[in-house]
Amino acid sequence: QMDSLKPEDTDVYFCAADQAWTTIAIQRGRSS
């Protein structure tokens, strides 16, 4: 849910999944 949207929020948005929370916390999800 995106509220108070700004022009800088303009992007393609991706959903990702990974088994390890560390992938999210350390890699910021980029290696999902």
PDB file of all heavy atoms in Angstrom:
ATOM      1  N   GLN A   1       0.855  -1.180   0.000  1.00  0.00           N
ATOM      2  CA  GLN A   1       0.000   0.000   0.000  1.00  0.00           C
ATOM      3  C   GLN A   1       0.892   1.231   0.000  1.00  0.00           C
ATOM      4  O   GLN A   1       1.689   1.423   0.920  1.00  0.00           O
ATOM      5  CB  GLN A   1      -0.917   0.002   1.221  1.00  0.00           C
ATOM      6  CG  GLN A   1      -1.784   1.250   1.353  1.00  0.00           C
ATOM      7  CD  GLN A   1      -2.817   1.352   0.260  1.00  0.00           C
ATOM      8  OE1 GLN A   1      -3.456   0.358  -0.081  1.00  0.00           O
ATOM      9  NE2 GLN A   1      -2.983   2.541  -0.302  1.00  0.00           N
ATOM     10  N   MET A   2       0.756   2.057  -1.020  1.00  0.00           N
ATOM     11  CA  MET A   2       1.594   3.231  -1.181  1.00  0.00           C
ATOM     12  C   MET A   2       0.742   4.482  -1.057  1.00  0.00           C
ATOM     13  O   MET A   2      -0.163   4.712  -1.860  1.00  0.00           O
ATOM     14  CB  MET A   2       2.311   3.203  -2.528  1.00  0.00           C
ATOM     15  CG  MET A   2       3.150   1.951  -2.742  1.00  0.00           C
ATOM     16  SD  MET A   2       4.082   1.987  -4.296  1.00  0.00           S
ATOM     17  CE  MET A   2       2.722   1.905  -5.471  1.00  0.00           C
ATOM     18  N   ASP A   3       1.032   5.280  -0.054  1.00  0.00           N
ATOM     19  CA  ASP A   3       0.334   6.533   0.185  1.00  0.00           C
ATOM     20  C   ASP A   3       1.316   7.691   0.080  1.00  0.00           C
ATOM     21  O   ASP A   3       2.525   7.508   0.150  1.00  0.00           O
ATOM     22  CB  ASP A   3      -0.323   6.531   1.565  1.00  0.00           C
ATOM     23  CG  ASP A   3      -1.366   5.452   1.736  1.00  0.00           C
ATOM     24  OD1 ASP A   3      -2.160   5.238   0.810  1.00  0.00           O
ATOM     25  OD2 ASP A   3      -1.382   4.819   2.815  1.00  0.00           O
ATOM     26  N   SER A   4       0.780   8.894  -0.061  1.00  0.00           N
ATOM     27  CA  SER A   4       1.603  10.102  -0.167  1.00  0.00           C
ATOM     28  C   SER A   4       2.696   9.928  -1.213  1.00  0.00           C
ATOM     29  O   SER A   4       3.866  10.233  -0.978  1.00  0.00           O
ATOM     30  CB  SER A   4       2.208  10.442   1.196  1.00  0.00           C
ATOM     31  OG  SER A   4       1.205  10.651   2.169  1.00  0.00           O
ATOM     32  N   LEU A   5       2.317   9.449  -2.374  1.00  0.00           N
ATOM     33  CA  LEU A   5       3.285   9.157  -3.416  1.00  0.00           C
ATOM     34  C   LEU A   5       3.964  10.421  -3.921  1.00  0.00           C
ATOM     35  O   LEU A   5       3.353  11.492  -3.998  1.00  0.00           O
ATOM     36  CB  LEU A   5       2.609   8.431  -4.569  1.00  0.00           C
ATOM     37  CG  LEU A   5       2.336   6.945  -4.310  1.00  0.00           C
ATOM     38  CD1 LEU A   5       1.306   6.400  -5.281  1.00  0.00           C
ATOM     39  CD2 LEU A   5       3.634   6.153  -4.407  1.00  0.00           C
ATOM     40  N   LYS A   6       5.230  10.262  -4.264  1.00  0.00           N
ATOM     41  CA  LYS A   6       6.050  11.345  -4.776  1.00  0.00           C
ATOM     42  C   LYS A   6       6.540  10.997  -6.176  1.00  0.00           C
ATOM     43  O   LYS A   6       6.629   9.825  -6.524  1.00  0.00           O
ATOM     44  CB  LYS A   6       7.252  11.579  -3.857  1.00  0.00           C
ATOM     45  CG  LYS A   6       6.901  11.843  -2.409  1.00  0.00           C
ATOM     46  CD  LYS A   6       8.157  11.924  -1.557  1.00  0.00           C
ATOM     47  CE  LYS A   6       7.823  12.165  -0.098  1.00  0.00           C
ATOM     48  NZ  LYS A   6       9.043  12.226   0.743  1.00  0.00           N
ATOM     49  N   PRO A   7       6.875  12.003  -6.987  1.00  0.00           N
ATOM     50  CA  PRO A   7       7.402  11.701  -8.321  1.00  0.00           C
ATOM     51  C   PRO A   7       8.609  10.770  -8.289  1.00  0.00           C
ATOM     52  O   PRO A   7       8.775   9.953  -9.203  1.00  0.00           O
ATOM     53  CB  PRO A   7       7.776  13.082  -8.864  1.00  0.00           C
ATOM     54  CG  PRO A   7       6.815  14.004  -8.197  1.00  0.00           C
ATOM     55  CD  PRO A   7       6.657  13.447  -6.800  1.00  0.00           C
ATOM     56  N   GLU A   8       9.442  10.854  -7.268  1.00  0.00           N
ATOM     57  CA  GLU A   8      10.603   9.987  -7.170  1.00  0.00           C
ATOM     58  C   GLU A   8      10.252   8.535  -6.879  1.00  0.00           C
ATOM     59  O   GLU A   8      11.119   7.664  -6.918  1.00  0.00           O
ATOM     60  CB  GLU A   8      11.599  10.503  -6.121  1.00  0.00           C
ATOM     61  CG  GLU A   8      10.973  10.797  -4.768  1.00  0.00           C
ATOM     62  CD  GLU A   8      10.654  12.269  -4.591  1.00  0.00           C
ATOM     63  OE1 GLU A   8      10.115  12.878  -5.529  1.00  0.00           O
ATOM     64  OE2 GLU A   8      10.962  12.817  -3.505  1.00  0.00           O
ATOM     65  N   ASP A   9       8.985   8.256  -6.584  1.00  0.00           N
ATOM     66  CA  ASP A   9       8.530   6.883  -6.430  1.00  0.00           C
ATOM     67  C   ASP A   9       8.264   6.212  -7.773  1.00  0.00           C
ATOM     68  O   ASP A   9       7.958   5.017  -7.813  1.00  0.00           O
ATOM     69  CB  ASP A   9       7.261   6.822  -5.580  1.00  0.00           C
ATOM     70  CG  ASP A   9       7.486   7.270  -4.147  1.00  0.00           C
ATOM     71  OD1 ASP A   9       8.533   6.906  -3.570  1.00  0.00           O
ATOM     72  OD2 ASP A   9       6.612   7.969  -3.600  1.00  0.00           O
ATOM     73  N   THR A  10       8.344   6.970  -8.851  1.00  0.00           N
ATOM     74  CA  THR A  10       8.135   6.419 -10.187  1.00  0.00           C
ATOM     75  C   THR A  10       9.197   5.363 -10.488  1.00  0.00           C
ATOM     76  O   THR A  10      10.395   5.661 -10.500  1.00  0.00           O
ATOM     77  CB  THR A  10       8.180   7.531 -11.240  1.00  0.00           C
ATOM     78  OG1 THR A  10       7.078   8.420 -11.037  1.00  0.00           O
ATOM     79  CG2 THR A  10       8.096   6.945 -12.642  1.00  0.00           C
ATOM     80  N   ASP A  11       8.749   4.150 -10.716  1.00  0.00           N
ATOM     81  CA  ASP A  11       9.653   3.018 -10.931  1.00  0.00           C
ATOM     82  C   ASP A  11       8.827   1.820 -11.384  1.00  0.00           C
ATOM     83  O   ASP A  11       7.600   1.834 -11.313  1.00  0.00           O
ATOM     84  CB  ASP A  11      10.377   2.624  -9.633  1.00  0.00           C
ATOM     85  CG  ASP A  11      11.628   3.423  -9.364  1.00  0.00           C
ATOM     86  OD1 ASP A  11      12.446   3.591 -10.287  1.00  0.00           O
ATOM     87  OD2 ASP A  11      11.805   3.862  -8.206  1.00  0.00           O
ATOM     88  N   VAL A  12       9.530   0.798 -11.840  1.00  0.00           N
ATOM     89  CA  VAL A  12       8.926  -0.509 -11.977  1.00  0.00           C
ATOM     90  C   VAL A  12       9.104  -1.221 -10.642  1.00  0.00           C
ATOM     91  O   VAL A  12      10.216  -1.294 -10.112  1.00  0.00           O
ATOM     92  CB  VAL A  12       9.558  -1.338 -13.112  1.00  0.00           C
ATOM     93  CG1 VAL A  12       8.958  -2.737 -13.150  1.00  0.00           C
ATOM     94  CG2 VAL A  12       9.350  -0.631 -14.446  1.00  0.00           C
ATOM     95  N   TYR A  13       8.022  -1.739 -10.099  1.00  0.00           N
ATOM     96  CA  TYR A  13       8.049  -2.380  -8.800  1.00  0.00           C
ATOM     97  C   TYR A  13       7.995  -3.897  -8.963  1.00  0.00           C
ATOM     98  O   TYR A  13       7.172  -4.421  -9.717  1.00  0.00           O
ATOM     99  CB  TYR A  13       6.877  -1.904  -7.939  1.00  0.00           C
ATOM    100  CG  TYR A  13       7.094  -0.524  -7.371  1.00  0.00           C
ATOM    101  CD1 TYR A  13       7.071   0.591  -8.206  1.00  0.00           C
ATOM    102  CD2 TYR A  13       7.340  -0.337  -6.014  1.00  0.00           C
ATOM    103  CE1 TYR A  13       7.288   1.860  -7.699  1.00  0.00           C
ATOM    104  CE2 TYR A  13       7.553   0.924  -5.497  1.00  0.00           C
ATOM    105  CZ  TYR A  13       7.529   2.022  -6.347  1.00  0.00           C
ATOM    106  OH  TYR A  13       7.744   3.285  -5.836  1.00  0.00           O
ATOM    107  N   PHE A  14       8.878  -4.578  -8.246  1.00  0.00           N
ATOM    108  CA  PHE A  14       9.009  -6.024  -8.334  1.00  0.00           C
ATOM    109  C   PHE A  14       8.723  -6.680  -6.994  1.00  0.00           C
ATOM    110  O   PHE A  14       9.140  -6.195  -5.950  1.00  0.00           O
ATOM    111  CB  PHE A  14      10.418  -6.429  -8.769  1.00  0.00           C
ATOM    112  CG  PHE A  14      10.803  -5.947 -10.133  1.00  0.00           C
ATOM    113  CD1 PHE A  14      11.376  -4.705 -10.314  1.00  0.00           C
ATOM    114  CD2 PHE A  14      10.592  -6.751 -11.242  1.00  0.00           C
ATOM    115  CE1 PHE A  14      11.744  -4.256 -11.569  1.00  0.00           C
ATOM    116  CE2 PHE A  14      10.957  -6.326 -12.502  1.00  0.00           C
ATOM    117  CZ  PHE A  14      11.532  -5.073 -12.669  1.00  0.00           C
ATOM    118  N   CYS A  15       8.054  -7.789  -7.051  1.00  0.00           N
ATOM    119  CA  CYS A  15       7.870  -8.662  -5.902  1.00  0.00           C
ATOM    120  C   CYS A  15       8.937  -9.742  -5.947  1.00  0.00           C
ATOM    121  O   CYS A  15       9.257 -10.258  -7.019  1.00  0.00           O
ATOM    122  CB  CYS A  15       6.468  -9.277  -5.941  1.00  0.00           C
ATOM    123  SG  CYS A  15       6.081 -10.373  -4.569  1.00  0.00           S
ATOM    124  N   ALA A  16       9.512 -10.081  -4.804  1.00  0.00           N
ATOM    125  CA  ALA A  16      10.564 -11.077  -4.740  1.00  0.00           C
ATOM    126  C   ALA A  16      10.357 -11.986  -3.543  1.00  0.00           C
ATOM    127  O   ALA A  16       9.697 -11.620  -2.572  1.00  0.00           O
ATOM    128  CB  ALA A  16      11.937 -10.406  -4.652  1.00  0.00           C
ATOM    129  N   ALA A  17      10.947 -13.176  -3.616  1.00  0.00           N
ATOM    130  CA  ALA A  17      10.826 -14.155  -2.536  1.00  0.00           C
ATOM    131  C   ALA A  17      12.152 -14.861  -2.309  1.00  0.00           C
ATOM    132  O   ALA A  17      12.871 -15.177  -3.256  1.00  0.00           O
ATOM    133  CB  ALA A  17       9.742 -15.180  -2.863  1.00  0.00           C
ATOM    134  N   ASP A  18      12.466 -15.108  -1.051  1.00  0.00           N
ATOM    135  CA  ASP A  18      13.677 -15.837  -0.696  1.00  0.00           C
ATOM    136  C   ASP A  18      13.465 -16.557   0.621  1.00  0.00           C
ATOM    137  O   ASP A  18      12.694 -16.098   1.468  1.00  0.00           O
ATOM    138  CB  ASP A  18      14.876 -14.887  -0.602  1.00  0.00           C
ATOM    139  CG  ASP A  18      16.193 -15.623  -0.681  1.00  0.00           C
ATOM    140  OD1 ASP A  18      16.694 -16.052   0.386  1.00  0.00           O
ATOM    141  OD2 ASP A  18      16.713 -15.770  -1.802  1.00  0.00           O
ATOM    142  N   GLN A  19      14.179 -17.653   0.804  1.00  0.00           N
ATOM    143  CA  GLN A  19      14.036 -18.454   2.011  1.00  0.00           C
ATOM    144  C   GLN A  19      14.725 -17.852   3.222  1.00  0.00           C
ATOM    145  O   GLN A  19      14.327 -18.117   4.357  1.00  0.00           O
ATOM    146  CB  GLN A  19      14.602 -19.858   1.788  1.00  0.00           C
ATOM    147  CG  GLN A  19      13.875 -20.671   0.745  1.00  0.00           C
ATOM    148  CD  GLN A  19      14.453 -22.062   0.632  1.00  0.00           C
ATOM    149  OE1 GLN A  19      14.534 -22.792   1.618  1.00  0.00           O
ATOM    150  NE2 GLN A  19      14.846 -22.427  -0.571  1.00  0.00           N
ATOM    151  N   ALA A  20      15.769 -17.065   2.990  1.00  0.00           N
ATOM    152  CA  ALA A  20      16.579 -16.544   4.088  1.00  0.00           C
ATOM    153  C   ALA A  20      16.284 -15.077   4.354  1.00  0.00           C
ATOM    154  O   ALA A  20      16.378 -14.247   3.453  1.00  0.00           O
ATOM    155  CB  ALA A  20      18.060 -16.724   3.783  1.00  0.00           C
ATOM    156  N   TRP A  21      15.967 -14.766   5.604  1.00  0.00           N
ATOM    157  CA  TRP A  21      15.755 -13.374   5.971  1.00  0.00           C
ATOM    158  C   TRP A  21      17.040 -12.567   5.811  1.00  0.00           C
ATOM    159  O   TRP A  21      16.979 -11.369   5.529  1.00  0.00           O
ATOM    160  CB  TRP A  21      15.242 -13.282   7.401  1.00  0.00           C
ATOM    161  CG  TRP A  21      14.889 -11.888   7.822  1.00  0.00           C
ATOM    162  CD1 TRP A  21      15.544 -11.104   8.722  1.00  0.00           C
ATOM    163  CD2 TRP A  21      13.789 -11.107   7.335  1.00  0.00           C
ATOM    164  NE1 TRP A  21      14.922  -9.891   8.839  1.00  0.00           N
ATOM    165  CE2 TRP A  21      13.842  -9.856   8.004  1.00  0.00           C
ATOM    166  CE3 TRP A  21      12.772 -11.342   6.419  1.00  0.00           C
ATOM    167  CZ2 TRP A  21      12.913  -8.850   7.771  1.00  0.00           C
ATOM    168  CZ3 TRP A  21      11.846 -10.339   6.181  1.00  0.00           C
ATOM    169  CH2 TRP A  21      11.924  -9.119   6.852  1.00  0.00           C
ATOM    170  N   THR A  22      18.182 -13.220   5.949  1.00  0.00           N
ATOM    171  CA  THR A  22      19.458 -12.553   5.769  1.00  0.00           C
ATOM    172  C   THR A  22      19.591 -11.981   4.357  1.00  0.00           C
ATOM    173  O   THR A  22      20.193 -10.925   4.160  1.00  0.00           O
ATOM    174  CB  THR A  22      20.624 -13.514   6.055  1.00  0.00           C
ATOM    175  OG1 THR A  22      20.508 -14.018   7.385  1.00  0.00           O
ATOM    176  CG2 THR A  22      21.961 -12.793   5.916  1.00  0.00           C
ATOM    177  N   THR A  23      19.033 -12.660   3.382  1.00  0.00           N
ATOM    178  CA  THR A  23      19.040 -12.156   2.011  1.00  0.00           C
ATOM    179  C   THR A  23      18.350 -10.801   1.941  1.00  0.00           C
ATOM    180  O   THR A  23      18.768  -9.909   1.208  1.00  0.00           O
ATOM    181  CB  THR A  23      18.351 -13.143   1.063  1.00  0.00           C
ATOM    182  OG1 THR A  23      19.055 -14.383   1.083  1.00  0.00           O
ATOM    183  CG2 THR A  23      18.319 -12.597  -0.361  1.00  0.00           C
ATOM    184  N   ILE A  24      17.307 -10.645   2.704  1.00  0.00           N
ATOM    185  CA  ILE A  24      16.567  -9.388   2.748  1.00  0.00           C
ATOM    186  C   ILE A  24      17.336  -8.339   3.537  1.00  0.00           C
ATOM    187  O   ILE A  24      17.517  -7.208   3.095  1.00  0.00           O
ATOM    188  CB  ILE A  24      15.174  -9.590   3.359  1.00  0.00           C
ATOM    189  CG1 ILE A  24      14.417 -10.697   2.627  1.00  0.00           C
ATOM    190  CG2 ILE A  24      14.399  -8.277   3.342  1.00  0.00           C
ATOM    191  CD1 ILE A  24      14.223 -10.447   1.155  1.00  0.00           C
ATOM    192  N   ALA A  25      17.810  -8.710   4.715  1.00  0.00           N
ATOM    193  CA  ALA A  25      18.454  -7.764   5.624  1.00  0.00           C
ATOM    194  C   ALA A  25      19.819  -7.309   5.128  1.00  0.00           C
ATOM    195  O   ALA A  25      20.170  -6.137   5.278  1.00  0.00           O
ATOM    196  CB  ALA A  25      18.588  -8.385   7.012  1.00  0.00           C
ATOM    197  N   ILE A  26      20.598  -8.213   4.550  1.00  0.00           N
ATOM    198  CA  ILE A  26      21.954  -7.907   4.120  1.00  0.00           C
ATOM    199  C   ILE A  26      22.006  -7.503   2.652  1.00  0.00           C
ATOM    200  O   ILE A  26      22.603  -6.483   2.299  1.00  0.00           O
ATOM    201  CB  ILE A  26      22.904  -9.093   4.376  1.00  0.00           C
ATOM    202  CG1 ILE A  26      22.869  -9.491   5.849  1.00  0.00           C
ATOM    203  CG2 ILE A  26      24.322  -8.730   3.938  1.00  0.00           C
ATOM    204  CD1 ILE A  26      23.256  -8.390   6.801  1.00  0.00           C
ATOM    205  N   GLN A  27      21.409  -8.302   1.804  1.00  0.00           N
ATOM    206  CA  GLN A  27      21.435  -8.045   0.363  1.00  0.00           C
ATOM    207  C   GLN A  27      20.314  -7.125  -0.096  1.00  0.00           C
ATOM    208  O   GLN A  27      20.226  -6.812  -1.291  1.00  0.00           O
ATOM    209  CB  GLN A  27      21.373  -9.363  -0.406  1.00  0.00           C
ATOM    210  CG  GLN A  27      22.564 -10.274  -0.161  1.00  0.00           C
ATOM    211  CD  GLN A  27      23.849  -9.682  -0.688  1.00  0.00           C
ATOM    212  OE1 GLN A  27      23.844  -8.971  -1.700  1.00  0.00           O
ATOM    213  NE2 GLN A  27      24.948  -9.953  -0.010  1.00  0.00           N
ATOM    214  N   ARG A  28      19.465  -6.725   0.800  1.00  0.00           N
ATOM    215  CA  ARG A  28      18.349  -5.833   0.508  1.00  0.00           C
ATOM    216  C   ARG A  28      17.439  -6.418  -0.572  1.00  0.00           C
ATOM    217  O   ARG A  28      16.853  -5.686  -1.370  1.00  0.00           O
ATOM    218  CB  ARG A  28      18.852  -4.457   0.097  1.00  0.00           C
ATOM    219  CG  ARG A  28      19.896  -3.868   1.052  1.00  0.00           C
ATOM    220  CD  ARG A  28      19.308  -3.626   2.433  1.00  0.00           C
ATOM    221  NE  ARG A  28      18.525  -2.414   2.492  1.00  0.00           N
ATOM    222  CZ  ARG A  28      17.779  -2.053   3.525  1.00  0.00           C
ATOM    223  NH1 ARG A  28      17.698  -2.844   4.589  1.00  0.00           N
ATOM    224  NH2 ARG A  28      17.110  -0.913   3.494  1.00  0.00           N
ATOM    225  N   GLY A  29      17.353  -7.734  -0.599  1.00  0.00           N
ATOM    226  CA  GLY A  29      16.461  -8.436  -1.499  1.00  0.00           C
ATOM    227  C   GLY A  29      16.942  -8.602  -2.918  1.00  0.00           C
ATOM    228  O   GLY A  29      16.288  -9.285  -3.705  1.00  0.00           O
ATOM    229  N   ARG A  30      18.074  -8.000  -3.256  1.00  0.00           N
ATOM    230  CA  ARG A  30      18.527  -7.997  -4.645  1.00  0.00           C
ATOM    231  C   ARG A  30      18.940  -9.376  -5.153  1.00  0.00           C
ATOM    232  O   ARG A  30      18.955  -9.601  -6.354  1.00  0.00           O
ATOM    233  CB  ARG A  30      19.665  -6.998  -4.833  1.00  0.00           C
ATOM    234  CG  ARG A  30      19.201  -5.548  -4.767  1.00  0.00           C
ATOM    235  CD  ARG A  30      20.321  -4.558  -5.029  1.00  0.00           C
ATOM    236  NE  ARG A  30      21.239  -4.453  -3.910  1.00  0.00           N
ATOM    237  CZ  ARG A  30      22.477  -4.920  -3.911  1.00  0.00           C
ATOM    238  NH1 ARG A  30      22.951  -5.531  -4.977  1.00  0.00           N
ATOM    239  NH2 ARG A  30      23.249  -4.775  -2.848  1.00  0.00           N
ATOM    240  N   SER A  31      19.281 -10.292  -4.254  1.00  0.00           N
ATOM    241  CA  SER A  31      19.666 -11.639  -4.640  1.00  0.00           C
ATOM    242  C   SER A  31      18.553 -12.649  -4.368  1.00  0.00           C
ATOM    243  O   SER A  31      18.815 -13.843  -4.238  1.00  0.00           O
ATOM    244  CB  SER A  31      20.948 -12.062  -3.922  1.00  0.00           C
ATOM    245  OG  SER A  31      20.771 -12.053  -2.514  1.00  0.00           O
ATOM    246  N   SER A  32      17.337 -12.188  -4.281  1.00  0.00           N
ATOM    247  CA  SER A  32      16.211 -13.067  -4.011  1.00  0.00           C
ATOM    248  C   SER A  32      16.096 -14.159  -5.067  1.00  0.00           C
ATOM    249  O   SER A  32      16.415 -13.953  -6.235  1.00  0.00           O
ATOM    250  CB  SER A  32      14.914 -12.269  -3.949  1.00  0.00           C
ATOM    251  OG  SER A  32      14.911 -11.391  -2.840  1.00  0.00           O
TER     252      SER A  32
END
